[in-house]
């Protein structure tokens, strides 16, 4: 059971990292290393979906961590 929770945590952590990298504004990965600063706009479409998915995955990761502590 502990191994399963541990693997779920690893998968969730990797997914959260990848989704955060995808969300970076600007020109792809260039903005990760100091891309241009644009103006703020509201989230629409895929950007809103990625934002909500990040929140859900982060909550799932926290819950998996808490379950891992209990078990």
N, C-alpha and C. Protein backbone atom coordinates (compact mmCIF):
# COMPACT_ATOMS: atom_id res chain seq x y z
N UNK A 1 0.82 -1.19 0.00
CA UNK A 1 0.00 0.00 0.00
C UNK A 1 0.86 1.26 0.00
N UNK A 2 1.93 1.24 0.80
CA UNK A 2 2.81 2.41 0.84
C UNK A 2 3.47 2.67 -0.51
N UNK A 3 3.83 1.60 -1.20
CA UNK A 3 4.46 1.73 -2.51
C UNK A 3 3.49 2.37 -3.51
N UNK A 4 2.23 1.99 -3.44
CA UNK A 4 1.22 2.56 -4.33
C UNK A 4 1.06 4.05 -4.08
N UNK A 5 0.97 4.44 -2.83
CA UNK A 5 0.84 5.87 -2.49
C UNK A 5 2.08 6.63 -2.93
N UNK A 6 3.25 6.03 -2.74
CA UNK A 6 4.50 6.66 -3.15
C UNK A 6 4.54 6.88 -4.66
N UNK A 7 4.11 5.89 -5.42
CA UNK A 7 4.10 6.02 -6.88
C UNK A 7 3.07 7.06 -7.33
N UNK A 8 1.94 7.11 -6.66
CA UNK A 8 0.93 8.13 -6.98
C UNK A 8 1.50 9.53 -6.72
N UNK A 9 2.22 9.70 -5.62
CA UNK A 9 2.84 10.99 -5.31
C UNK A 9 3.85 11.39 -6.38
N UNK A 10 4.65 10.46 -6.84
CA UNK A 10 5.65 10.76 -7.87
C UNK A 10 4.96 11.18 -9.16
N UNK A 11 3.94 10.44 -9.56
CA UNK A 11 3.22 10.76 -10.80
C UNK A 11 2.55 12.13 -10.70
N UNK A 12 1.89 12.40 -9.58
CA UNK A 12 1.23 13.70 -9.39
C UNK A 12 2.24 14.85 -9.38
N UNK A 13 3.39 14.64 -8.74
CA UNK A 13 4.41 15.69 -8.70
C UNK A 13 4.92 16.00 -10.10
N UNK A 14 5.17 14.97 -10.89
CA UNK A 14 5.65 15.19 -12.25
C UNK A 14 4.60 15.91 -13.09
N UNK A 15 3.33 15.53 -12.94
CA UNK A 15 2.26 16.19 -13.69
C UNK A 15 2.12 17.66 -13.30
N UNK A 16 2.21 17.95 -12.00
CA UNK A 16 2.12 19.35 -11.56
C UNK A 16 3.26 20.18 -12.14
N UNK A 17 4.46 19.64 -12.12
CA UNK A 17 5.62 20.36 -12.66
C UNK A 17 5.44 20.63 -14.16
N UNK A 18 5.01 19.61 -14.90
CA UNK A 18 4.83 19.78 -16.34
C UNK A 18 3.74 20.79 -16.67
N UNK A 19 2.65 20.76 -15.93
CA UNK A 19 1.57 21.70 -16.20
C UNK A 19 1.98 23.13 -15.86
N UNK A 20 2.76 23.30 -14.81
CA UNK A 20 3.23 24.64 -14.46
C UNK A 20 4.17 25.17 -15.54
N UNK A 21 5.02 24.31 -16.07
CA UNK A 21 5.93 24.74 -17.14
C UNK A 21 5.14 25.11 -18.39
N UNK A 22 4.10 24.35 -18.71
CA UNK A 22 3.28 24.65 -19.89
C UNK A 22 2.56 25.99 -19.73
N UNK A 23 2.20 26.35 -18.51
CA UNK A 23 1.44 27.58 -18.27
C UNK A 23 2.24 28.86 -18.42
N UNK A 24 3.54 28.79 -18.47
CA UNK A 24 4.36 30.00 -18.51
C UNK A 24 3.94 30.90 -19.67
N UNK A 25 3.78 32.18 -19.39
CA UNK A 25 3.38 33.14 -20.42
C UNK A 25 4.59 33.55 -21.24
N UNK A 26 4.35 34.04 -22.42
CA UNK A 26 5.44 34.48 -23.28
C UNK A 26 5.70 33.49 -24.39
N UNK A 27 6.94 33.37 -24.79
CA UNK A 27 7.29 32.53 -25.92
C UNK A 27 7.82 31.19 -25.45
N UNK A 28 6.94 30.28 -25.14
CA UNK A 28 7.32 28.92 -24.77
C UNK A 28 8.18 28.87 -23.54
N UNK A 29 9.23 28.07 -23.59
CA UNK A 29 10.12 27.91 -22.44
C UNK A 29 11.05 29.10 -22.26
N UNK A 30 11.10 29.99 -23.23
CA UNK A 30 11.95 31.17 -23.10
C UNK A 30 11.52 32.06 -21.95
N UNK A 31 10.23 32.09 -21.67
CA UNK A 31 9.74 32.92 -20.57
C UNK A 31 10.11 32.34 -19.21
N UNK A 32 10.44 31.05 -19.19
CA UNK A 32 10.86 30.43 -17.94
C UNK A 32 12.15 31.06 -17.44
N UNK A 33 12.99 31.47 -18.37
CA UNK A 33 14.29 32.04 -18.03
C UNK A 33 14.33 33.55 -18.22
N UNK A 34 13.21 34.21 -17.98
CA UNK A 34 13.18 35.67 -17.99
C UNK A 34 12.66 36.24 -19.28
N UNK A 35 11.62 35.68 -19.84
CA UNK A 35 11.02 36.21 -21.06
C UNK A 35 10.39 37.57 -20.82
N UNK A 36 9.84 38.14 -21.87
CA UNK A 36 9.28 39.48 -21.75
C UNK A 36 8.05 39.48 -20.84
N UNK A 37 7.87 40.62 -20.17
CA UNK A 37 6.75 40.78 -19.26
C UNK A 37 5.63 41.49 -20.01
N UNK A 38 4.54 40.81 -20.19
CA UNK A 38 3.40 41.39 -20.91
C UNK A 38 2.35 41.87 -19.93
N UNK A 39 1.22 42.20 -20.47
CA UNK A 39 0.13 42.66 -19.62
C UNK A 39 -0.69 41.46 -19.16
N UNK A 40 -1.42 41.64 -18.09
CA UNK A 40 -2.24 40.56 -17.53
C UNK A 40 -3.58 40.52 -18.24
N UNK A 41 -4.00 39.35 -18.63
CA UNK A 41 -5.33 39.20 -19.22
C UNK A 41 -6.05 38.06 -18.51
N UNK A 42 -7.35 38.00 -18.69
CA UNK A 42 -8.12 36.94 -18.05
C UNK A 42 -7.83 35.60 -18.71
N UNK A 43 -8.00 34.54 -17.94
CA UNK A 43 -7.77 33.20 -18.46
C UNK A 43 -8.98 32.75 -19.26
N UNK A 44 -8.70 32.17 -20.43
CA UNK A 44 -9.77 31.66 -21.28
C UNK A 44 -9.34 30.35 -21.89
N UNK A 45 -10.31 29.51 -22.16
CA UNK A 45 -10.06 28.29 -22.91
C UNK A 45 -9.08 27.35 -22.24
N UNK A 46 -8.06 26.96 -23.00
CA UNK A 46 -7.08 25.99 -22.53
C UNK A 46 -6.29 26.51 -21.34
N UNK A 47 -6.03 27.80 -21.31
CA UNK A 47 -5.28 28.38 -20.18
C UNK A 47 -6.05 28.23 -18.87
N UNK A 48 -7.35 28.44 -18.93
CA UNK A 48 -8.19 28.28 -17.74
C UNK A 48 -8.25 26.81 -17.32
N UNK A 49 -8.33 25.91 -18.31
CA UNK A 49 -8.35 24.48 -18.03
C UNK A 49 -7.04 24.05 -17.34
N UNK A 50 -5.90 24.52 -17.84
CA UNK A 50 -4.62 24.18 -17.23
C UNK A 50 -4.51 24.73 -15.82
N UNK A 51 -5.02 25.95 -15.61
CA UNK A 51 -4.99 26.56 -14.29
C UNK A 51 -5.79 25.74 -13.29
N UNK A 52 -7.01 25.36 -13.68
CA UNK A 52 -7.85 24.55 -12.80
C UNK A 52 -7.27 23.16 -12.58
N UNK A 53 -6.68 22.59 -13.62
CA UNK A 53 -6.06 21.27 -13.50
C UNK A 53 -4.87 21.31 -12.54
N UNK A 54 -4.14 22.42 -12.54
CA UNK A 54 -3.02 22.58 -11.61
C UNK A 54 -3.50 22.57 -10.18
N UNK A 55 -4.59 23.28 -9.92
CA UNK A 55 -5.14 23.33 -8.57
C UNK A 55 -5.61 21.94 -8.13
N UNK A 56 -6.32 21.25 -9.02
CA UNK A 56 -6.83 19.92 -8.69
C UNK A 56 -5.69 18.94 -8.42
N UNK A 57 -4.66 18.95 -9.27
CA UNK A 57 -3.53 18.04 -9.08
C UNK A 57 -2.76 18.36 -7.81
N UNK A 58 -2.64 19.64 -7.48
CA UNK A 58 -1.95 20.01 -6.24
C UNK A 58 -2.72 19.52 -5.02
N UNK A 59 -4.04 19.65 -5.06
CA UNK A 59 -4.86 19.16 -3.94
C UNK A 59 -4.75 17.65 -3.83
N UNK A 60 -4.79 16.94 -4.96
CA UNK A 60 -4.63 15.49 -4.94
C UNK A 60 -3.27 15.07 -4.39
N UNK A 61 -2.23 15.84 -4.74
CA UNK A 61 -0.89 15.54 -4.23
C UNK A 61 -0.84 15.71 -2.72
N UNK A 62 -1.44 16.77 -2.22
CA UNK A 62 -1.47 16.99 -0.77
C UNK A 62 -2.24 15.89 -0.06
N UNK A 63 -3.39 15.50 -0.64
CA UNK A 63 -4.17 14.41 -0.04
C UNK A 63 -3.40 13.11 -0.05
N UNK A 64 -2.70 12.80 -1.14
CA UNK A 64 -1.88 11.58 -1.20
C UNK A 64 -0.77 11.62 -0.17
N UNK A 65 -0.20 12.81 0.05
CA UNK A 65 0.86 12.93 1.06
C UNK A 65 0.31 12.69 2.45
N UNK A 66 -0.86 13.24 2.74
CA UNK A 66 -1.47 13.04 4.05
C UNK A 66 -1.85 11.59 4.26
N UNK A 67 -2.37 10.94 3.23
CA UNK A 67 -2.70 9.51 3.33
C UNK A 67 -1.43 8.69 3.56
N UNK A 68 -0.35 9.10 2.89
CA UNK A 68 0.94 8.41 3.08
C UNK A 68 1.46 8.53 4.50
N UNK A 69 1.17 9.65 5.15
CA UNK A 69 1.59 9.83 6.55
C UNK A 69 0.76 8.97 7.49
N UNK A 70 -0.51 8.83 7.18
CA UNK A 70 -1.41 8.08 8.06
C UNK A 70 -1.13 6.58 7.96
N UNK A 71 -0.88 6.11 6.75
CA UNK A 71 -0.71 4.65 6.54
C UNK A 71 0.66 4.20 6.99
